[in-house]
Amino acid sequence: MKYMLLVCGDDTADASGMAPVEPWVEELSAERGVRLHGHRLRLPADAVTVRVRDGEVLRTDGPFAETKEYVAGYDILECATLEEAVQAAARHPVASVGAMEVRAFWDDEDAEGEIRRLEAELSAAVRDHDIDRAMACYAPDAEVFSAGGAEQRGVAALRKAAELRYPTAAGPVEREVLDLRIRVDESIAFGHALVRTRATLADGGKLDTTERMTSGYRLAGDRWRIVHQHTSVPSGTSAVTSDEEGRS
């Protein structure tokens, strides 16, 4: 479960004896992997409050409410329980002079499941030689680097490569994603997998390759898309077709 810690400062508190924040960040980020990210915010005097009334945008310089306490920053944690998040908040140095508000994210999102479904959709599109359906799995600015050294920057270049590659297969192209591991952080995610591709080629040969795939995903609106994809040949394997192996 993800939790947001709202770091609340206090103008009236004496923070001269407060411990530095860096050791807390180091412990929860690098050592325990609990803190995903966070950042300081500028002071309330630099804030702008925006309201819309009867279609008119009303802008006010300054914070939403004039109080001695204010949100000075935030941290995003991933904890097993609320109690674990509370314990992490209690160790934050600002808790000794200000306050830490702990709030859970809505838990109705299944980002990992959506990304797995995205990969399944791409596999189905490749199988059916459906270029439009395959391109819909990629962000417009996607960058794709293949094991053979070729690279495509943007969907237009990726589409052109697909239009040249798809006709080389005589029938369905089986794309199997194996051991897919996904790490999600808000609107960005990374995945690692092995991808096995099998097909009968138009010249009668057989394609059977296994490549290592590293992918970057980005949430655009309410849909995940592939923004980066890099494939390489795993150690001890070959990227050639089975017919090429037989002729070597």
Protein backbone atom coordinates (compact mmCIF):
# COMPACT_ATOMS: atom_id res chain seq x y z
CA MET A 1 0.00 0.00 0.00
CA LYS A 2 1.26 3.48 -0.86
CA TYR A 3 1.09 6.30 1.66
CA MET A 4 1.75 10.01 1.34
CA LEU A 5 3.46 11.77 4.20
CA LEU A 6 2.59 15.46 4.25
CA VAL A 7 5.47 17.16 6.04
CA CYS A 8 3.93 20.04 8.01
CA GLY A 9 6.19 22.80 9.22
CA ASP A 10 5.38 25.32 11.95
CA ASP A 11 6.41 28.97 11.74
CA THR A 12 6.35 29.31 15.52
CA ALA A 13 8.50 26.26 16.28
CA ASP A 14 12.23 26.44 16.98
CA ALA A 15 13.82 24.09 14.46
CA SER A 16 17.41 24.95 15.36
CA GLY A 17 17.88 21.65 17.19
CA MET A 18 16.15 19.49 14.59
CA ALA A 19 18.17 16.55 13.26
CA PRO A 20 19.04 16.59 9.53
CA VAL A 21 16.57 14.89 7.19
CA GLU A 22 19.19 13.22 4.97
CA PRO A 23 19.86 10.17 7.22
CA TRP A 24 16.10 9.45 7.36
CA VAL A 25 15.88 9.67 3.56
CA GLU A 26 18.94 7.42 3.16
CA GLU A 27 17.60 4.78 5.55
CA LEU A 28 14.11 4.55 4.04
CA SER A 29 15.21 4.93 0.40
CA ALA A 30 18.49 3.12 -0.19
CA GLU A 31 18.60 0.76 2.79
CA ARG A 32 14.98 -0.32 3.16
CA GLY A 33 13.39 0.59 -0.15
CA VAL A 34 10.31 2.02 1.60
CA ARG A 35 10.54 5.64 0.44
CA LEU A 36 9.77 5.86 -3.27
CA HIS A 37 10.34 9.58 -3.70
CA GLY A 38 9.58 12.96 -2.23
CA HIS A 39 10.49 16.62 -2.39
CA ARG A 40 10.54 19.89 -0.49
CA LEU A 41 8.06 22.63 -1.42
CA ARG A 42 8.69 26.34 -1.55
CA LEU A 43 7.35 28.50 1.27
CA PRO A 44 3.63 29.41 1.44
CA ALA A 45 4.44 33.01 0.50
CA ASP A 46 5.34 31.75 -2.99
CA ALA A 47 2.09 29.82 -3.40
CA VAL A 48 -0.76 30.74 -5.73
CA THR A 49 -4.34 29.78 -4.86
CA VAL A 50 -6.73 29.27 -7.80
CA ARG A 51 -10.53 29.21 -7.64
CA VAL A 52 -13.15 29.23 -10.39
CA ARG A 53 -16.45 30.98 -9.69
CA ASP A 54 -19.16 31.40 -12.34
CA GLY A 55 -16.61 30.52 -15.01
CA GLU A 56 -14.14 33.16 -13.86
CA VAL A 57 -10.65 32.14 -12.75
CA LEU A 58 -9.78 33.82 -9.46
CA ARG A 59 -6.08 33.85 -8.60
CA THR A 60 -4.78 34.80 -5.17
CA ASP A 61 -1.12 35.07 -4.28
CA GLY A 62 -0.40 33.13 -1.11
CA PRO A 63 -1.60 29.91 0.53
CA PHE A 64 -5.12 28.51 0.65
CA ALA A 65 -5.37 29.30 4.37
CA GLU A 66 -3.28 31.56 6.59
CA THR A 67 -2.12 29.27 9.38
CA LYS A 68 1.08 28.84 11.36
CA GLU A 69 1.37 25.27 10.07
CA TYR A 70 1.95 24.62 6.40
CA VAL A 71 2.90 21.74 4.09
CA ALA A 72 6.67 22.01 3.64
CA GLY A 73 7.10 18.88 1.52
CA TYR A 74 5.96 15.33 0.93
CA ASP A 75 7.23 11.76 0.82
CA ILE A 76 5.70 8.73 -0.88
CA LEU A 77 6.16 5.48 1.01
CA GLU A 78 5.25 1.90 0.18
CA CYS A 79 4.48 0.03 3.38
CA ALA A 80 2.74 -3.21 4.27
CA THR A 81 0.51 -1.57 6.87
CA LEU A 82 -0.61 1.82 8.14
CA GLU A 83 1.30 1.16 11.36
CA GLU A 84 4.54 0.77 9.42
CA ALA A 85 3.91 4.10 7.69
CA VAL A 86 3.15 5.78 11.03
CA GLN A 87 6.40 4.44 12.48
CA ALA A 88 8.32 5.80 9.50
CA ALA A 89 6.62 9.19 9.91
CA ALA A 90 7.45 9.26 13.62
CA ARG A 91 11.16 8.94 12.80
CA HIS A 92 11.08 11.90 10.41
CA PRO A 93 13.00 14.82 12.00
CA VAL A 94 10.22 17.32 11.25
CA ALA A 95 7.86 15.29 13.46
CA SER A 96 9.79 16.68 16.48
CA VAL A 97 9.02 20.31 15.63
CA GLY A 98 6.01 20.14 13.30
CA ALA A 99 3.65 17.36 12.25
CA MET A 100 3.44 14.49 9.77
CA GLU A 101 0.10 13.70 8.16
CA VAL A 102 -0.11 10.10 6.89
CA ARG A 103 -2.67 9.42 4.16
CA ALA A 104 -3.18 6.22 2.17
CA PHE A 105 -3.60 6.20 -1.58
CA TRP A 106 -6.80 4.81 -3.06
CA ASP A 107 -6.20 1.07 -3.48
CA ASP A 108 -8.50 0.46 -6.46
CA GLU A 109 -5.67 0.73 -8.97
CA ASP A 110 -3.96 -2.30 -10.48
CA ALA A 111 -1.09 -0.78 -12.44
CA GLU A 112 0.88 -4.02 -12.65
CA GLY A 113 -2.16 -5.91 -13.92
CA GLU A 114 -2.80 -3.23 -16.55
CA ILE A 115 0.81 -3.44 -17.76
CA ARG A 116 0.60 -7.22 -18.01
CA ARG A 117 -2.59 -6.84 -20.04
CA LEU A 118 -0.78 -4.31 -22.25
CA GLU A 119 1.97 -6.84 -22.99
CA ALA A 120 -0.68 -9.49 -23.70
CA GLU A 121 -2.40 -7.08 -26.09
CA LEU A 122 0.89 -6.45 -27.90
CA SER A 123 1.51 -10.21 -28.20
CA ALA A 124 -1.96 -10.70 -29.68
CA ALA A 125 -1.40 -7.87 -32.17
CA VAL A 126 1.97 -9.31 -33.25
CA ARG A 127 0.40 -12.77 -33.65
CA ASP A 128 -2.29 -11.37 -35.97
CA HIS A 129 0.05 -9.01 -37.89
CA ASP A 130 -2.21 -6.14 -36.73
CA ILE A 131 0.06 -3.11 -36.99
CA ASP A 132 -2.53 -0.53 -35.84
CA ARG A 133 -3.29 -2.57 -32.74
CA ALA A 134 0.41 -3.04 -31.99
CA MET A 135 1.23 0.66 -32.42
CA ALA A 136 -1.56 1.56 -29.99
CA CYS A 137 0.53 -0.13 -27.27
CA TYR A 138 3.31 2.46 -27.66
CA ALA A 139 3.52 6.12 -26.64
CA PRO A 140 3.93 8.55 -29.59
CA ASP A 141 7.50 9.32 -28.52
CA ALA A 142 8.49 5.71 -27.81
CA GLU A 143 12.08 4.63 -28.42
CA VAL A 144 12.75 1.00 -29.35
CA PHE A 145 16.20 -0.59 -29.56
CA SER A 146 16.48 -4.11 -30.97
CA ALA A 147 19.06 -6.81 -30.35
CA GLY A 148 20.33 -6.44 -33.90
CA GLY A 149 21.31 -2.80 -33.32
CA ALA A 150 18.38 -1.14 -35.09
CA GLU A 151 16.52 1.63 -33.33
CA GLN A 152 13.25 3.42 -33.92
CA ARG A 153 12.41 6.77 -32.38
CA GLY A 154 8.72 7.56 -32.41
CA VAL A 155 5.69 5.55 -33.50
CA ALA A 156 6.04 6.58 -37.15
CA ALA A 157 9.49 4.98 -37.37
CA LEU A 158 8.29 1.95 -35.40
CA ARG A 159 5.34 1.51 -37.77
CA LYS A 160 7.61 1.65 -40.82
CA ALA A 161 9.84 -1.06 -39.33
CA ALA A 162 6.79 -3.22 -38.55
CA GLU A 163 5.47 -2.81 -42.11
CA LEU A 164 8.76 -4.22 -43.39
CA ARG A 165 9.05 -7.00 -40.79
CA TYR A 166 5.51 -8.40 -40.54
CA PRO A 167 5.29 -9.70 -44.17
CA THR A 168 8.40 -11.85 -43.62
CA ALA A 169 6.26 -14.27 -41.56
CA ALA A 170 3.94 -16.65 -43.42
CA GLY A 171 1.47 -17.11 -40.58
CA PRO A 172 0.88 -16.20 -36.93
CA VAL A 173 3.85 -14.92 -34.93
CA GLU A 174 3.88 -16.32 -31.41
CA ARG A 175 5.30 -13.78 -28.95
CA GLU A 176 5.61 -15.25 -25.44
CA VAL A 177 6.62 -12.99 -22.53
CA LEU A 178 8.34 -15.03 -19.82
CA ASP A 179 9.21 -14.13 -16.23
CA LEU A 180 7.91 -10.56 -16.50
CA ARG A 181 8.93 -8.53 -13.45
CA ILE A 182 7.40 -5.08 -13.05
CA ARG A 183 8.26 -2.19 -10.75
CA VAL A 184 5.68 0.61 -10.65
CA ASP A 185 6.20 4.11 -9.26
CA GLU A 186 3.21 6.40 -9.81
CA SER A 187 3.00 7.16 -13.55
CA ILE A 188 6.26 5.42 -14.51
CA ALA A 189 7.05 1.70 -14.49
CA PHE A 190 9.90 -0.58 -15.55
CA GLY A 191 9.74 -4.20 -16.62
CA HIS A 192 12.23 -6.99 -17.27
CA ALA A 193 11.41 -10.21 -19.11
CA LEU A 194 12.49 -12.83 -21.60
CA VAL A 195 10.57 -12.76 -24.88
CA ARG A 196 10.41 -15.85 -27.09
CA THR A 197 9.30 -15.30 -30.67
CA ARG A 198 8.36 -18.19 -32.99
CA ALA A 199 7.05 -18.14 -36.54
CA THR A 200 7.19 -19.81 -39.93
CA LEU A 201 8.87 -17.47 -42.38
CA ALA A 202 7.64 -16.64 -45.87
CA ASP A 203 10.71 -18.37 -47.36
CA GLY A 204 9.92 -21.59 -45.48
CA GLY A 205 12.44 -21.08 -42.69
CA LYS A 206 11.67 -21.17 -38.99
CA LEU A 207 12.07 -18.31 -36.53
CA ASP A 208 12.69 -19.21 -32.90
CA THR A 209 14.49 -16.58 -30.82
CA THR A 210 14.69 -15.68 -27.15
CA GLU A 211 15.66 -12.14 -26.19
CA ARG A 212 15.98 -10.23 -22.96
CA MET A 213 13.62 -7.25 -22.86
CA THR A 214 13.78 -4.17 -20.66
CA SER A 215 10.78 -1.88 -20.99
CA GLY A 216 9.77 1.51 -19.68
CA TYR A 217 6.07 2.29 -19.33
CA ARG A 218 4.28 5.60 -18.83
CA LEU A 219 0.74 6.26 -17.68
CA ALA A 220 -0.91 8.65 -20.13
CA GLY A 221 -4.35 9.64 -18.91
CA ASP A 222 -5.93 6.37 -17.81
CA ARG A 223 -3.85 4.06 -19.98
CA TRP A 224 -0.35 2.63 -19.74
CA ARG A 225 1.83 2.66 -22.86
CA ILE A 226 5.34 1.52 -23.72
CA VAL A 227 7.71 4.47 -23.92
CA HIS A 228 11.04 2.61 -24.03
CA GLN A 229 11.93 -0.91 -25.11
CA HIS A 230 15.38 -2.44 -25.34
CA THR A 231 16.05 -6.05 -26.34
CA SER A 232 19.34 -7.92 -26.14
CA VAL A 233 20.52 -11.51 -26.54
CA PRO A 234 20.89 -13.34 -23.21
CA SER A 235 24.28 -14.86 -22.48
CA GLY A 236 24.67 -18.32 -24.00
CA THR A 237 21.85 -17.92 -26.54
CA SER A 238 21.62 -16.88 -30.16
CA ALA A 239 19.34 -14.46 -31.99
CA VAL A 240 19.44 -16.35 -35.29
CA THR A 241 16.64 -18.45 -36.71
CA SER A 242 16.60 -22.21 -36.35
CA ASP A 243 17.26 -22.60 -40.08
CA GLU A 244 20.32 -20.35 -39.83
CA GLU A 245 21.60 -22.48 -36.95
CA GLY A 246 21.19 -25.60 -39.07
CA ARG A 247 23.16 -24.04 -41.93
CA SER A 248 25.98 -22.71 -39.70
